[in-house]
């Protein structure tokens, strides 16, 4: 069984193809071959992906809240203070070994290669190779990843010079996600959560994520 969020090792959180392509100009958002023409609306986001350039390796952890969903802060935004080492509350469901290579072609367009390695519930090892881009198009931040069996699109925003927030909100089937990714000179930290399947978006998240990567 594949882990549900392998693509988040790269960056991700989407609005879905139908939502993301309604008002775009230039190539379709899901196209990773054509570099979009730069517009005046794009210029404020120049070099926003540059801190990611290079090769990163580390682990991506998937946790389940053993307390289940509960009344409280649904769709939380302040998520870096969560202590996943508390074994009474968090079950470590999966650990994924990650390698990502980022290369900026322009201040607005960055390519990525991803190799994710994990073991399934039977202990069998799997390796998934994906490719994608981070790009600025129509004044917005986009992350597009082509997996072997899927294309995933995320829309982003910034919180300071080194933090990107990626989100998606798909209701059929339910896939609501939030990731906060901070890149320093030698470290790359990801915190996030997701609602899937029968989860209730009006309650606290059931599934949580933490990525811890180092520059190579």
Protein backbone atom coordinates (compact mmCIF):
# COMPACT_ATOMS: atom_id res chain seq x y z
CA UNK A 1 0.00 0.00 0.00
CA UNK A 2 1.39 3.40 -1.01
CA UNK A 3 1.65 6.13 1.62
CA UNK A 4 -1.08 8.70 0.95
CA UNK A 5 1.16 11.72 0.77
CA UNK A 6 4.39 10.81 -0.98
CA UNK A 7 4.07 13.85 -3.19
CA UNK A 8 4.32 16.22 -0.23
CA UNK A 9 7.98 15.42 0.00
CA UNK A 10 8.35 17.86 -2.79
CA UNK A 11 6.09 20.68 -1.84
CA UNK A 12 2.70 20.06 -2.38
CA UNK A 13 -0.91 20.91 -1.81
CA UNK A 14 -3.44 21.42 -4.60
CA UNK A 15 -6.61 23.05 -5.68
CA UNK A 16 -7.24 20.37 -8.28
CA UNK A 17 -7.05 20.71 -12.04
CA UNK A 18 -10.54 22.07 -12.55
CA UNK A 19 -10.09 24.77 -9.93
CA UNK A 20 -6.56 25.76 -10.90
CA UNK A 21 -7.12 26.15 -14.62
CA UNK A 22 -10.30 28.21 -14.74
CA UNK A 23 -8.67 31.64 -15.06
CA UNK A 24 -5.06 30.94 -16.04
CA UNK A 25 -3.35 32.32 -19.11
CA UNK A 26 -0.45 30.76 -20.98
CA UNK A 27 0.15 27.01 -20.78
CA UNK A 28 -2.09 24.82 -18.60
CA UNK A 29 -0.94 24.86 -14.97
CA UNK A 30 -0.26 21.11 -15.14
CA UNK A 31 2.20 21.56 -18.02
CA UNK A 32 5.80 21.27 -16.73
CA UNK A 33 7.53 21.54 -20.13
CA UNK A 34 6.64 25.08 -21.18
CA UNK A 35 8.12 27.96 -19.16
CA UNK A 36 5.35 30.58 -18.83
CA UNK A 37 5.98 34.13 -20.01
CA UNK A 38 6.71 36.45 -17.12
CA UNK A 39 4.02 39.06 -16.40
CA UNK A 40 4.07 42.17 -14.25
CA UNK A 41 2.04 40.27 -11.63
CA UNK A 42 4.81 37.65 -11.39
CA UNK A 43 7.68 40.01 -10.66
CA UNK A 44 6.99 40.42 -6.94
CA UNK A 45 7.64 36.67 -6.54
CA UNK A 46 10.99 36.55 -8.36
CA UNK A 47 13.48 34.10 -6.77
CA UNK A 48 10.94 32.86 -4.23
CA UNK A 49 12.07 29.26 -4.87
CA UNK A 50 15.81 30.00 -4.99
CA UNK A 51 16.54 28.87 -1.37
CA UNK A 52 15.54 25.33 -2.43
CA UNK A 53 18.14 25.05 -5.20
CA UNK A 54 20.42 22.05 -4.67
CA UNK A 55 20.06 18.50 -3.37
CA UNK A 56 18.26 17.55 -0.16
CA UNK A 57 17.97 14.22 1.65
CA UNK A 58 16.12 13.19 4.78
CA UNK A 59 13.01 11.57 6.20
CA UNK A 60 9.32 12.32 5.84
CA UNK A 61 7.20 11.10 8.77
CA UNK A 62 3.47 10.34 8.65
CA UNK A 63 1.68 10.36 12.02
CA UNK A 64 -1.84 9.37 13.05
CA UNK A 65 -3.48 11.13 16.00
CA UNK A 66 -4.46 8.18 18.20
CA UNK A 67 -7.05 10.35 19.96
CA UNK A 68 -8.94 10.64 16.67
CA UNK A 69 -10.68 13.76 15.43
CA UNK A 70 -12.04 16.04 18.11
CA UNK A 71 -13.80 19.39 18.51
CA UNK A 72 -11.24 22.16 18.58
CA UNK A 73 -9.14 23.95 16.01
CA UNK A 74 -10.13 22.63 12.60
CA UNK A 75 -7.85 23.45 9.66
CA UNK A 76 -5.12 24.77 12.02
CA UNK A 77 -2.45 27.15 10.78
CA UNK A 78 -0.13 27.34 13.82
CA UNK A 79 1.32 23.85 13.51
CA UNK A 80 5.06 24.03 14.22
CA UNK A 81 4.56 23.68 17.98
CA UNK A 82 3.15 20.13 17.81
CA UNK A 83 5.29 17.56 19.64
CA UNK A 84 5.14 14.36 17.62
CA UNK A 85 7.51 12.64 20.05
CA UNK A 86 4.61 12.20 22.48
CA UNK A 87 3.97 8.50 21.84
CA UNK A 88 0.72 8.53 23.81
CA UNK A 89 -0.93 10.83 21.28
CA UNK A 90 0.87 10.11 18.00
CA UNK A 91 1.35 6.86 16.10
CA UNK A 92 4.17 6.87 13.57
CA UNK A 93 2.49 5.28 10.56
CA UNK A 94 5.22 5.61 7.92
CA UNK A 95 8.77 6.83 7.38
CA UNK A 96 9.83 7.74 3.84
CA UNK A 97 13.42 8.25 2.76
CA UNK A 98 13.55 11.29 0.48
CA UNK A 99 15.94 12.70 -2.09
CA UNK A 100 15.03 15.90 -3.94
CA UNK A 101 17.06 17.84 -6.51
CA UNK A 102 15.96 21.42 -7.28
CA UNK A 103 17.28 23.46 -10.22
CA UNK A 104 16.07 27.00 -11.01
CA UNK A 105 16.00 27.75 -14.73
CA UNK A 106 14.76 31.30 -14.23
CA UNK A 107 13.78 33.38 -11.16
CA UNK A 108 10.21 32.16 -11.79
CA UNK A 109 10.61 28.51 -12.85
CA UNK A 110 12.33 25.67 -10.95
CA UNK A 111 12.54 21.98 -11.83
CA UNK A 112 12.66 19.13 -9.31
CA UNK A 113 13.49 15.44 -9.35
CA UNK A 114 12.20 13.32 -6.46
CA UNK A 115 13.10 9.83 -5.26
CA UNK A 116 10.99 8.44 -2.41
CA UNK A 117 11.79 5.08 -0.80
CA UNK A 118 9.52 3.36 1.74
CA UNK A 119 8.40 -0.04 2.98
CA UNK A 120 4.79 -1.20 2.80
CA UNK A 121 2.90 -3.03 5.53
CA UNK A 122 4.41 -6.34 4.34
CA UNK A 123 7.93 -4.96 4.67
CA UNK A 124 8.53 -4.80 0.93
CA UNK A 125 10.61 -1.82 -0.19
CA UNK A 126 9.33 0.50 -2.92
CA UNK A 127 11.00 3.36 -4.76
CA UNK A 128 9.01 6.04 -6.58
CA UNK A 129 10.62 8.54 -8.94
CA UNK A 130 8.73 11.72 -9.83
CA UNK A 131 9.46 14.99 -11.56
CA UNK A 132 7.87 18.38 -11.39
CA UNK A 133 8.23 22.13 -11.20
CA UNK A 134 7.75 25.07 -8.90
CA UNK A 135 6.61 27.99 -11.03
CA UNK A 136 5.08 31.44 -10.97
CA UNK A 137 2.18 31.88 -13.36
CA UNK A 138 -0.55 34.54 -13.39
CA UNK A 139 0.97 36.10 -10.28
CA UNK A 140 0.50 32.88 -8.28
CA UNK A 141 2.80 30.19 -6.92
CA UNK A 142 2.28 26.68 -8.24
CA UNK A 143 3.83 23.31 -7.50
CA UNK A 144 3.20 20.57 -10.06
CA UNK A 145 4.42 16.99 -9.59
CA UNK A 146 4.10 14.22 -12.15
CA UNK A 147 4.02 10.94 -10.26
CA UNK A 148 4.03 7.59 -12.10
CA UNK A 149 0.24 7.35 -11.72
CA UNK A 150 -0.96 10.87 -11.00
CA UNK A 151 -0.48 14.60 -11.55
CA UNK A 152 -0.71 16.75 -8.43
CA UNK A 153 -0.99 20.55 -8.41
CA UNK A 154 -0.56 22.80 -5.38
CA UNK A 155 -1.04 26.53 -4.91
CA UNK A 156 1.30 28.39 -2.59
CA UNK A 157 1.90 31.53 -0.58
CA UNK A 158 4.80 32.90 1.45
CA UNK A 159 5.33 33.70 5.11
CA UNK A 160 8.62 35.55 5.06
CA UNK A 161 11.59 35.03 2.75
CA UNK A 162 12.20 31.35 3.54
CA UNK A 163 8.78 29.85 4.30
CA UNK A 164 6.31 28.61 1.70
CA UNK A 165 2.80 27.41 2.56
CA UNK A 166 1.22 24.92 0.14
CA UNK A 167 -2.47 24.06 0.25
CA UNK A 168 -5.17 22.17 -1.57
CA UNK A 169 -8.88 21.75 -0.95
CA UNK A 170 -10.59 18.98 -2.91
CA UNK A 171 -13.96 17.73 -1.66
CA UNK A 172 -14.73 14.82 -4.01
CA UNK A 173 -12.94 12.71 -2.94
CA UNK A 174 -11.92 14.59 0.19
CA UNK A 175 -8.29 15.82 0.13
CA UNK A 176 -7.66 18.91 2.22
CA UNK A 177 -4.04 19.62 3.11
CA UNK A 178 -1.81 22.29 4.58
CA UNK A 179 1.99 22.30 4.59
CA UNK A 180 4.37 24.84 6.05
CA UNK A 181 7.89 24.48 4.60
CA UNK A 182 10.89 26.45 5.87
CA UNK A 183 14.30 26.34 4.17
CA UNK A 184 17.46 27.52 5.91
CA UNK A 185 21.04 27.28 4.61
CA UNK A 186 21.42 23.57 5.45
CA UNK A 187 18.01 22.41 6.73
CA UNK A 188 14.54 22.01 5.23
CA UNK A 189 11.64 21.48 7.66
CA UNK A 190 8.05 20.59 6.76
CA UNK A 191 5.02 20.50 9.05
CA UNK A 192 1.56 19.63 7.77
CA UNK A 193 -1.75 17.86 8.12
CA UNK A 194 -4.40 16.29 5.89
CA UNK A 195 -8.08 15.34 5.81
CA UNK A 196 -9.03 12.35 3.62
CA UNK A 197 -11.91 10.00 2.89
CA UNK A 198 -14.45 10.10 5.72
CA UNK A 199 -12.56 12.67 7.83
CA UNK A 200 -14.61 15.62 9.08
CA UNK A 201 -13.02 18.98 8.13
CA UNK A 202 -14.92 20.66 10.98
CA UNK A 203 -12.89 18.67 13.54
CA UNK A 204 -9.15 18.50 14.24
CA UNK A 205 -6.98 16.71 11.66
CA UNK A 206 -6.36 12.99 12.05
CA UNK A 207 -3.21 12.73 9.93
CA UNK A 208 -0.08 14.85 10.45
CA UNK A 209 3.29 15.17 8.69
CA UNK A 210 6.84 16.21 9.46
CA UNK A 211 9.71 16.37 6.97
CA UNK A 212 13.32 16.80 8.10
CA UNK A 213 15.83 17.17 5.24
CA UNK A 214 19.47 18.27 5.06
CA UNK A 215 21.36 19.92 2.23
CA UNK A 216 23.86 17.60 0.52
